[in-house]
Protein backbone atom coordinates (compact mmCIF):
# COMPACT_ATOMS: atom_id res chain seq x y z
CA MET A 1 0.00 0.00 0.00
CA ASP A 2 1.44 3.36 -1.01
CA GLY A 3 1.56 6.32 1.32
CA GLU A 4 -0.08 6.06 4.67
CA GLU A 5 -3.70 5.27 3.74
CA TRP A 6 -3.47 2.32 6.11
CA GLY A 7 -3.93 4.75 9.01
CA GLU A 8 -7.51 5.32 7.93
CA ARG A 9 -8.27 1.64 8.69
CA ALA A 10 -6.49 1.53 12.05
CA ARG A 11 -8.46 0.11 14.93
CA CYS A 12 -7.12 2.82 17.26
CA LEU A 13 -8.81 5.64 15.34
CA THR A 14 -11.63 5.56 17.86
CA LEU A 15 -9.26 5.91 20.83
CA ASP A 16 -7.98 9.05 22.44
CA PRO A 17 -4.45 9.40 20.99
CA ASP A 18 -3.13 10.02 24.51
CA ASP A 19 -4.12 6.43 25.35
CA LEU A 20 -1.35 5.20 23.04
CA PHE A 21 1.36 7.32 24.65
CA VAL A 22 1.39 5.95 28.18
CA GLU A 23 3.95 4.45 30.52
CA GLY A 24 4.22 1.44 32.80
CA ALA A 25 1.35 -1.02 33.17
CA ALA A 26 -0.92 1.17 31.05
CA GLN A 27 1.18 0.14 28.04
CA ASN A 28 -0.27 -3.38 28.22
CA ARG A 29 -3.79 -1.98 27.93
CA ALA A 30 -2.69 0.19 25.02
CA LYS A 31 -1.04 -2.78 23.29
CA ALA A 32 -4.27 -4.76 23.64
CA ALA A 33 -5.98 -2.19 21.43
CA CYS A 34 -3.73 -3.38 18.59
CA GLY A 35 -5.04 -6.93 18.77
CA GLY A 36 -7.04 -7.74 15.67
CA CYS A 37 -6.13 -4.48 13.95
CA PRO A 38 -6.14 -4.98 10.18
CA VAL A 39 -3.16 -2.65 9.69
CA ARG A 40 -0.98 -3.70 12.62
CA THR A 41 1.89 -4.71 10.32
CA GLU A 42 1.84 -1.42 8.42
CA CYS A 43 1.72 0.53 11.68
CA LEU A 44 4.69 -1.33 13.16
CA ALA A 45 6.72 -0.98 9.95
CA HIS A 46 5.94 2.75 9.89
CA ALA A 47 7.30 3.20 13.42
CA LEU A 48 10.37 1.04 12.84
CA ASP A 49 11.32 2.59 9.51
CA ARG A 50 10.98 6.09 10.94
CA ARG A 51 12.58 5.21 14.29
CA ILE A 52 9.59 6.63 16.19
CA GLU A 53 10.63 6.70 19.81
CA HIS A 54 7.37 7.18 21.70
CA GLY A 55 4.03 5.45 21.95
CA ILE A 56 2.51 2.12 21.08
CA TRP A 57 2.79 1.29 17.38
CA GLY A 58 1.76 -2.01 15.84
CA GLY A 59 1.37 -3.58 19.26
CA MET A 60 4.90 -2.79 20.44
CA THR A 61 6.20 -0.36 23.04
CA GLU A 62 9.12 1.95 22.39
CA ARG A 63 11.34 -0.35 24.47
CA GLU A 64 10.31 -3.39 22.42
CA ARG A 65 10.94 -1.54 19.17
CA ARG A 66 14.38 -0.36 20.31
CA ALA A 67 15.31 -3.94 21.25
CA LEU A 68 14.15 -5.20 17.85
CA LEU A 69 16.14 -2.50 16.06
CA ARG A 70 19.26 -3.45 18.03
CA ARG A 71 18.79 -7.15 17.21
CA ARG A 72 18.32 -6.46 13.48
CA PRO A 73 20.57 -3.48 12.63
CA LEU A 74 20.96 -4.45 8.98
CA VAL A 75 17.27 -4.23 8.10
CA THR A 76 16.84 -1.31 5.70
CA SER A 77 13.08 -1.61 5.14
CA TRP A 78 10.88 -2.98 7.87
CA GLN A 79 7.88 -2.47 5.64
CA GLY A 80 9.30 -4.81 3.01
CA LEU A 81 10.45 -7.36 5.58
CA LEU A 82 7.15 -7.46 7.49
CA GLU A 83 5.02 -7.58 4.34
CA ALA A 84 7.08 -10.50 3.01
CA ALA A 85 6.73 -12.31 6.35
CA ARG A 86 2.97 -11.74 6.33
CA ARG A 87 2.68 -13.13 2.79
CA GLU A 88 4.68 -16.21 3.79
CA HIS A 89 2.50 -16.72 6.84
CA GLU A 90 -0.70 -16.38 4.80
CA GLN A 91 0.58 -18.85 2.20
CA ALA A 92 1.51 -21.35 4.91
CA ARG A 93 -1.93 -21.02 6.48
CA GLY A 94 -3.58 -21.49 3.10
CA GLY A 95 -1.68 -24.76 2.66
CA GLU A 96 -3.01 -26.23 5.90
CA GLY A 97 -6.05 -27.87 4.35
CA GLY A 98 -7.82 -24.59 3.57
CA ALA A 99 -8.81 -23.55 0.12
CA SER A 100 -6.04 -21.59 -1.49
CA ARG A 101 -6.73 -18.47 -3.49
CA ALA A 102 -5.49 -18.91 -7.02
CA GLY A 103 -4.90 -15.83 -9.18
C-alpha cells in the first residue's frame, strides 16, 4: 500500500491518541488495542522505519521496538520485511487444508 492510507483503517482511530502514549502497566492496555487491527503490520513498519521513539505502534512499546532495532541493525526496510513475512504466513496457512486463493 502506497503512502499512509493504512492509518484510515487503524483500529485505534476511535481511541484518544493520549491512550497510546502511556507508561508502565498502562502500556499493556494500550497494546491490547492493537489486537485484531487490520493494519498492525503497516503501523509497526511505519514506526520502525521512521525510528519513532514514543508510543505504542503495531502492538509494540518503544522499548520493544528499540530492542528489535538493536537485534536487526541491517534491516533497511521494515515495511518490506514485514510484508514478506505476512505473505509467507498467509501462504503457509492457506496450505493447511484450507482452500487456497489462485490468481
